[in-house]
């Protein structure tokens, strides 16, 4: 009996150690995680605006992109970014409660609280987050060529500006940094706003 108990204890200890090492690796990760194939994420929206927060499949998407479903907001990393989206010259609402499933009692480490288009990163660990993860959480397709159902076509193109500077590269890799102003535009050069916003007046305390 004692031998069986020792074996059972040893197996449990090994499993616990393996789980601990896995979590340690996740929590200490500094890498920018980009979904390999966002088009196949569960519940992803590939159509035209408006884009509502896709909450039905949020938990599943978080598993797919390797982010936790938090029962309370994290405090180790707390940053705020602002996002403007302009499609064919029209400003698009970034809705409240992206990444917040109150009915199920959990939220994503990247989310919104209201319609000010302010992104909240509230994580229990210090690590890097990116724009692609925010859109995956929202449930809206974002790739190098597309946002939702709007894809590069002729003179209509997707462009991303970070603090007023055109971002060269995959927009999914834009790192979310505190008080960053991100502007996503789609359309012709004539439909681009005359002045790309480069700053946002964050409320006191944010």
C-alpha atoms as a PDB file:
ATOM      1  CA  UNK A   1       0.000   0.000   0.000  1.00  0.00           C
ATOM      2  CA  UNK A   2       2.765   2.385   0.885  1.00  0.00           C
ATOM      3  CA  UNK A   3       4.493   1.677  -2.438  1.00  0.00           C
ATOM      4  CA  UNK A   4       1.309   2.495  -4.358  1.00  0.00           C
ATOM      5  CA  UNK A   5       0.885   5.697  -2.386  1.00  0.00           C
ATOM      6  CA  UNK A   6       4.481   6.709  -3.087  1.00  0.00           C
ATOM      7  CA  UNK A   7       4.050   6.010  -6.816  1.00  0.00           C
ATOM      8  CA  UNK A   8       0.762   7.944  -6.881  1.00  0.00           C
ATOM      9  CA  UNK A   9       2.368  10.839  -5.028  1.00  0.00           C
ATOM     10  CA  UNK A  10       5.380  10.822  -7.344  1.00  0.00           C
ATOM     11  CA  UNK A  11       3.212  10.850 -10.466  1.00  0.00           C
ATOM     12  CA  UNK A  12       1.170  13.726  -9.084  1.00  0.00           C
ATOM     13  CA  UNK A  13       4.322  15.641  -8.215  1.00  0.00           C
ATOM     14  CA  UNK A  14       5.733  15.174 -11.730  1.00  0.00           C
ATOM     15  CA  UNK A  15       2.475  16.372 -13.288  1.00  0.00           C
ATOM     16  CA  UNK A  16       2.427  19.396 -10.990  1.00  0.00           C
ATOM     17  CA  UNK A  17       6.011  20.249 -11.906  1.00  0.00           C
ATOM     18  CA  UNK A  18       5.286  19.935 -15.634  1.00  0.00           C
ATOM     19  CA  UNK A  19       2.251  22.186 -15.320  1.00  0.00           C
ATOM     20  CA  UNK A  20       4.304  24.668 -13.311  1.00  0.00           C
ATOM     21  CA  UNK A  21       7.047  24.730 -15.927  1.00  0.00           C
ATOM     22  CA  UNK A  22       4.492  25.279 -18.666  1.00  0.00           C
ATOM     23  CA  UNK A  23       2.890  28.189 -16.830  1.00  0.00           C
ATOM     24  CA  UNK A  24       6.294  29.637 -15.991  1.00  0.00           C
ATOM     25  CA  UNK A  25       7.226  29.551 -19.646  1.00  0.00           C
ATOM     26  CA  UNK A  26       3.970  31.240 -20.613  1.00  0.00           C
ATOM     27  CA  UNK A  27       4.104  33.918 -17.946  1.00  0.00           C
ATOM     28  CA  UNK A  28       7.740  34.745 -18.642  1.00  0.00           C
ATOM     29  CA  UNK A  29       7.233  34.949 -22.400  1.00  0.00           C
ATOM     30  CA  UNK A  30       8.310  38.277 -23.848  1.00  0.00           C
ATOM     31  CA  UNK A  31       7.601  37.311 -27.430  1.00  0.00           C
ATOM     32  CA  UNK A  32       4.965  38.978 -29.579  1.00  0.00           C
ATOM     33  CA  UNK A  33       2.401  36.264 -30.249  1.00  0.00           C
ATOM     34  CA  UNK A  34       0.681  36.563 -33.611  1.00  0.00           C
ATOM     35  CA  UNK A  35      -2.123  34.192 -34.565  1.00  0.00           C
ATOM     36  CA  UNK A  36      -0.821  32.010 -37.375  1.00  0.00           C
ATOM     37  CA  UNK A  37      -4.154  31.928 -39.197  1.00  0.00           C
ATOM     38  CA  UNK A  38      -6.626  34.518 -37.878  1.00  0.00           C
ATOM     39  CA  UNK A  39      -9.093  33.720 -40.673  1.00  0.00           C
ATOM     40  CA  UNK A  40      -9.826  30.379 -38.994  1.00  0.00           C
ATOM     41  CA  UNK A  41     -10.423  31.707 -35.487  1.00  0.00           C
ATOM     42  CA  UNK A  42     -13.781  30.688 -34.055  1.00  0.00           C
ATOM     43  CA  UNK A  43     -16.431  33.376 -34.589  1.00  0.00           C
ATOM     44  CA  UNK A  44     -14.139  35.761 -36.484  1.00  0.00           C
ATOM     45  CA  UNK A  45     -16.022  38.521 -38.350  1.00  0.00           C
ATOM     46  CA  UNK A  46     -15.027  38.894 -42.004  1.00  0.00           C
ATOM     47  CA  UNK A  47     -17.787  41.198 -43.191  1.00  0.00           C
ATOM     48  CA  UNK A  48     -18.454  44.924 -43.311  1.00  0.00           C
ATOM     49  CA  UNK A  49     -19.053  47.271 -40.393  1.00  0.00           C
ATOM     50  CA  UNK A  50     -20.479  47.560 -37.803  1.00  0.00           C
ATOM     51  CA  UNK A  51     -18.410  45.027 -35.881  1.00  0.00           C
ATOM     52  CA  UNK A  52     -19.871  44.105 -32.528  1.00  0.00           C
ATOM     53  CA  UNK A  53     -17.898  42.471 -29.724  1.00  0.00           C
ATOM     54  CA  UNK A  54     -18.028  38.759 -30.573  1.00  0.00           C
ATOM     55  CA  UNK A  55     -18.501  37.286 -27.109  1.00  0.00           C
ATOM     56  CA  UNK A  56     -20.203  33.965 -27.856  1.00  0.00           C
ATOM     57  CA  UNK A  57     -16.924  32.359 -28.904  1.00  0.00           C
ATOM     58  CA  UNK A  58     -14.548  34.572 -26.898  1.00  0.00           C
ATOM     59  CA  UNK A  59     -13.444  31.807 -24.554  1.00  0.00           C
ATOM     60  CA  UNK A  60     -12.668  29.498 -27.458  1.00  0.00           C
ATOM     61  CA  UNK A  61     -10.703  32.192 -29.301  1.00  0.00           C
ATOM     62  CA  UNK A  62      -8.640  32.934 -26.194  1.00  0.00           C
ATOM     63  CA  UNK A  63      -7.652  29.266 -26.129  1.00  0.00           C
ATOM     64  CA  UNK A  64      -6.817  29.373 -29.820  1.00  0.00           C
ATOM     65  CA  UNK A  65      -4.532  32.397 -29.478  1.00  0.00           C
ATOM     66  CA  UNK A  66      -2.991  31.287 -26.191  1.00  0.00           C
ATOM     67  CA  UNK A  67      -4.319  33.999 -23.866  1.00  0.00           C
ATOM     68  CA  UNK A  68      -6.000  33.455 -20.486  1.00  0.00           C
ATOM     69  CA  UNK A  69      -9.620  34.050 -19.551  1.00  0.00           C
ATOM     70  CA  UNK A  70      -9.279  36.150 -16.397  1.00  0.00           C
ATOM     71  CA  UNK A  71     -11.783  36.077 -13.565  1.00  0.00           C
ATOM     72  CA  UNK A  72     -10.398  39.428 -12.432  1.00  0.00           C
ATOM     73  CA  UNK A  73      -8.386  42.100 -14.194  1.00  0.00           C
ATOM     74  CA  UNK A  74      -4.640  41.761 -13.940  1.00  0.00           C
ATOM     75  CA  UNK A  75      -2.529  44.376 -12.189  1.00  0.00           C
ATOM     76  CA  UNK A  76       1.070  43.464 -13.063  1.00  0.00           C
ATOM     77  CA  UNK A  77       0.814  45.259 -16.417  1.00  0.00           C
ATOM     78  CA  UNK A  78      -1.683  48.080 -16.929  1.00  0.00           C
ATOM     79  CA  UNK A  79      -1.447  50.235 -20.055  1.00  0.00           C
ATOM     80  CA  UNK A  80      -3.815  52.219 -22.245  1.00  0.00           C
ATOM     81  CA  UNK A  81      -3.759  52.801 -25.981  1.00  0.00           C
ATOM     82  CA  UNK A  82      -6.159  54.617 -28.303  1.00  0.00           C
ATOM     83  CA  UNK A  83      -7.446  53.256 -31.602  1.00  0.00           C
ATOM     84  CA  UNK A  84      -9.046  55.136 -34.497  1.00  0.00           C
ATOM     85  CA  UNK A  85     -10.528  53.170 -37.396  1.00  0.00           C
ATOM     86  CA  UNK A  86     -11.474  55.018 -40.577  1.00  0.00           C
ATOM     87  CA  UNK A  87     -13.106  53.067 -43.417  1.00  0.00           C
ATOM     88  CA  UNK A  88     -13.683  54.834 -46.723  1.00  0.00           C
ATOM     89  CA  UNK A  89     -13.425  58.185 -44.973  1.00  0.00           C
ATOM     90  CA  UNK A  90     -15.897  57.272 -42.199  1.00  0.00           C
ATOM     91  CA  UNK A  91     -14.868  56.871 -38.577  1.00  0.00           C
ATOM     92  CA  UNK A  92     -15.894  53.501 -37.150  1.00  0.00           C
ATOM     93  CA  UNK A  93     -17.028  52.992 -33.573  1.00  0.00           C
ATOM     94  CA  UNK A  94     -14.803  50.766 -31.474  1.00  0.00           C
ATOM     95  CA  UNK A  95     -17.472  49.290 -29.193  1.00  0.00           C
ATOM     96  CA  UNK A  96     -17.496  48.913 -25.436  1.00  0.00           C
ATOM     97  CA  UNK A  97     -16.893  45.570 -23.718  1.00  0.00           C
ATOM     98  CA  UNK A  98     -14.629  44.026 -26.330  1.00  0.00           C
ATOM     99  CA  UNK A  99     -13.091  41.053 -24.540  1.00  0.00           C
ATOM    100  CA  UNK A 100     -15.452  41.309 -21.550  1.00  0.00           C
ATOM    101  CA  UNK A 101     -17.950  38.489 -21.067  1.00  0.00           C
ATOM    102  CA  UNK A 102     -19.765  39.494 -17.899  1.00  0.00           C
ATOM    103  CA  UNK A 103     -22.369  36.746 -18.315  1.00  0.00           C
ATOM    104  CA  UNK A 104     -19.663  34.077 -18.199  1.00  0.00           C
ATOM    105  CA  UNK A 105     -17.639  35.909 -15.536  1.00  0.00           C
ATOM    106  CA  UNK A 106     -14.353  36.390 -17.367  1.00  0.00           C
ATOM    107  CA  UNK A 107     -12.464  38.909 -19.461  1.00  0.00           C
ATOM    108  CA  UNK A 108      -9.437  38.983 -21.746  1.00  0.00           C
ATOM    109  CA  UNK A 109      -6.224  40.744 -20.698  1.00  0.00           C
ATOM    110  CA  UNK A 110      -6.851  43.185 -23.596  1.00  0.00           C
ATOM    111  CA  UNK A 111     -10.296  44.777 -23.660  1.00  0.00           C
ATOM    112  CA  UNK A 112     -12.396  47.953 -23.819  1.00  0.00           C
ATOM    113  CA  UNK A 113     -14.763  49.411 -21.249  1.00  0.00           C
ATOM    114  CA  UNK A 114     -16.594  52.079 -23.257  1.00  0.00           C
ATOM    115  CA  UNK A 115     -16.858  53.629 -26.731  1.00  0.00           C
ATOM    116  CA  UNK A 116     -13.937  56.044 -26.327  1.00  0.00           C
ATOM    117  CA  UNK A 117     -11.833  53.590 -28.410  1.00  0.00           C
ATOM    118  CA  UNK A 118      -9.385  53.314 -25.530  1.00  0.00           C
ATOM    119  CA  UNK A 119      -7.764  49.899 -25.252  1.00  0.00           C
ATOM    120  CA  UNK A 120      -7.022  48.567 -21.768  1.00  0.00           C
ATOM    121  CA  UNK A 121      -4.207  46.079 -21.237  1.00  0.00           C
ATOM    122  CA  UNK A 122      -4.667  44.635 -17.747  1.00  0.00           C
ATOM    123  CA  UNK A 123      -2.513  41.556 -17.383  1.00  0.00           C
ATOM    124  CA  UNK A 124      -1.489  39.452 -14.377  1.00  0.00           C
ATOM    125  CA  UNK A 125       2.008  39.163 -15.856  1.00  0.00           C
ATOM    126  CA  UNK A 126       4.375  41.540 -17.630  1.00  0.00           C
ATOM    127  CA  UNK A 127       4.695  40.552 -21.274  1.00  0.00           C
ATOM    128  CA  UNK A 128       4.257  41.894 -24.791  1.00  0.00           C
ATOM    129  CA  UNK A 129       0.843  42.257 -26.399  1.00  0.00           C
ATOM    130  CA  UNK A 130       0.060  43.316 -29.952  1.00  0.00           C
ATOM    131  CA  UNK A 131      -2.669  44.749 -32.153  1.00  0.00           C
ATOM    132  CA  UNK A 132      -3.406  41.405 -33.796  1.00  0.00           C
ATOM    133  CA  UNK A 133      -4.319  39.916 -30.424  1.00  0.00           C
ATOM    134  CA  UNK A 134      -6.731  42.773 -29.733  1.00  0.00           C
ATOM    135  CA  UNK A 135      -8.558  42.145 -33.018  1.00  0.00           C
ATOM    136  CA  UNK A 136      -8.582  38.393 -32.386  1.00  0.00           C
ATOM    137  CA  UNK A 137     -10.203  39.079 -29.016  1.00  0.00           C
ATOM    138  CA  UNK A 138     -12.671  41.493 -30.626  1.00  0.00           C
ATOM    139  CA  UNK A 139     -13.485  38.816 -33.184  1.00  0.00           C
ATOM    140  CA  UNK A 140     -12.665  40.964 -36.235  1.00  0.00           C
ATOM    141  CA  UNK A 141     -10.303  39.777 -38.940  1.00  0.00           C
ATOM    142  CA  UNK A 142      -7.051  41.731 -39.167  1.00  0.00           C
ATOM    143  CA  UNK A 143      -4.313  40.674 -41.560  1.00  0.00           C
ATOM    144  CA  UNK A 144      -1.616  42.420 -43.559  1.00  0.00           C
ATOM    145  CA  UNK A 145      -4.160  43.105 -46.306  1.00  0.00           C
ATOM    146  CA  UNK A 146      -7.589  43.051 -44.658  1.00  0.00           C
ATOM    147  CA  UNK A 147      -9.670  44.449 -41.840  1.00  0.00           C
ATOM    148  CA  UNK A 148     -12.989  42.656 -41.576  1.00  0.00           C
ATOM    149  CA  UNK A 149     -14.280  42.339 -45.117  1.00  0.00           C
ATOM    150  CA  UNK A 150     -12.232  45.264 -46.439  1.00  0.00           C
ATOM    151  CA  UNK A 151      -9.178  43.989 -48.319  1.00  0.00           C
ATOM    152  CA  UNK A 152      -6.548  45.648 -50.498  1.00  0.00           C
ATOM    153  CA  UNK A 153      -7.987  46.055 -53.969  1.00  0.00           C
ATOM    154  CA  UNK A 154      -6.672  48.399 -56.622  1.00  0.00           C
ATOM    155  CA  UNK A 155      -6.475  51.918 -55.194  1.00  0.00           C
ATOM    156  CA  UNK A 156      -8.192  50.915 -51.937  1.00  0.00           C
ATOM    157  CA  UNK A 157      -5.645  49.913 -49.345  1.00  0.00           C
ATOM    158  CA  UNK A 158      -5.192  49.194 -45.663  1.00  0.00           C
ATOM    159  CA  UNK A 159      -2.777  51.490 -43.851  1.00  0.00           C
ATOM    160  CA  UNK A 160      -1.790  51.680 -40.193  1.00  0.00           C
ATOM    161  CA  UNK A 161      -0.264  54.673 -38.434  1.00  0.00           C
ATOM    162  CA  UNK A 162       1.389  54.558 -35.012  1.00  0.00           C
ATOM    163  CA  UNK A 163       1.764  57.934 -33.310  1.00  0.00           C
ATOM    164  CA  UNK A 164       1.250  59.598 -36.686  1.00  0.00           C
ATOM    165  CA  UNK A 165       3.883  57.542 -38.535  1.00  0.00           C
ATOM    166  CA  UNK A 166       2.994  55.024 -41.249  1.00  0.00           C
ATOM    167  CA  UNK A 167       3.725  51.523 -39.950  1.00  0.00           C
ATOM    168  CA  UNK A 168       5.780  49.424 -42.336  1.00  0.00           C
ATOM    169  CA  UNK A 169       4.969  45.746 -41.969  1.00  0.00           C
ATOM    170  CA  UNK A 170       2.214  43.469 -40.764  1.00  0.00           C
ATOM    171  CA  UNK A 171      -0.221  45.542 -38.665  1.00  0.00           C
ATOM    172  CA  UNK A 172      -0.812  42.546 -36.432  1.00  0.00           C
ATOM    173  CA  UNK A 173       2.694  42.983 -35.052  1.00  0.00           C
ATOM    174  CA  UNK A 174       2.147  46.531 -33.769  1.00  0.00           C
ATOM    175  CA  UNK A 175       3.183  46.329 -30.131  1.00  0.00           C
ATOM    176  CA  UNK A 176       0.709  47.846 -27.678  1.00  0.00           C
ATOM    177  CA  UNK A 177       2.496  50.507 -25.646  1.00  0.00           C
ATOM    178  CA  UNK A 178       1.178  52.913 -23.050  1.00  0.00           C
ATOM    179  CA  UNK A 179      -0.465  56.083 -24.450  1.00  0.00           C
ATOM    180  CA  UNK A 180       0.042  54.959 -28.025  1.00  0.00           C
ATOM    181  CA  UNK A 181      -2.192  56.358 -30.777  1.00  0.00           C
ATOM    182  CA  UNK A 182      -3.002  53.760 -33.435  1.00  0.00           C
ATOM    183  CA  UNK A 183      -4.916  54.706 -36.566  1.00  0.00           C
ATOM    184  CA  UNK A 184      -6.173  52.117 -39.050  1.00  0.00           C
ATOM    185  CA  UNK A 185      -7.462  53.405 -42.366  1.00  0.00           C
ATOM    186  CA  UNK A 186      -8.896  51.661 -45.394  1.00  0.00           C
ATOM    187  CA  UNK A 187      -9.752  53.320 -48.690  1.00  0.00           C
ATOM    188  CA  UNK A 188      -8.239  55.474 -51.373  1.00  0.00           C
ATOM    189  CA  UNK A 189      -5.555  58.069 -50.758  1.00  0.00           C
ATOM    190  CA  UNK A 190      -8.234  60.744 -51.238  1.00  0.00           C
ATOM    191  CA  UNK A 191     -10.273  59.190 -48.421  1.00  0.00           C
ATOM    192  CA  UNK A 192      -7.421  59.303 -45.931  1.00  0.00           C
ATOM    193  CA  UNK A 193      -8.010  61.882 -43.222  1.00  0.00           C
ATOM    194  CA  UNK A 194      -6.145  65.087 -43.980  1.00  0.00           C
ATOM    195  CA  UNK A 195      -4.421  64.909 -40.611  1.00  0.00           C
ATOM    196  CA  UNK A 196      -3.645  61.475 -39.189  1.00  0.00           C
ATOM    197  CA  UNK A 197      -4.204  61.671 -35.410  1.00  0.00           C
ATOM    198  CA  UNK A 198      -0.904  61.330 -33.598  1.00  0.00           C
ATOM    199  CA  UNK A 199      -2.085  61.807 -30.031  1.00  0.00           C
ATOM    200  CA  UNK A 200      -5.109  61.313 -27.808  1.00  0.00           C
ATOM    201  CA  UNK A 201      -5.990  63.142 -24.607  1.00  0.00           C
ATOM    202  CA  UNK A 202      -6.078  60.297 -22.132  1.00  0.00           C
ATOM    203  CA  UNK A 203      -8.239  61.005 -19.078  1.00  0.00           C
ATOM    204  CA  UNK A 204      -6.478  61.785 -15.824  1.00  0.00           C
ATOM    205  CA  UNK A 205      -5.272  58.634 -14.152  1.00  0.00           C
ATOM    206  CA  UNK A 206      -4.981  56.629 -17.368  1.00  0.00           C
END
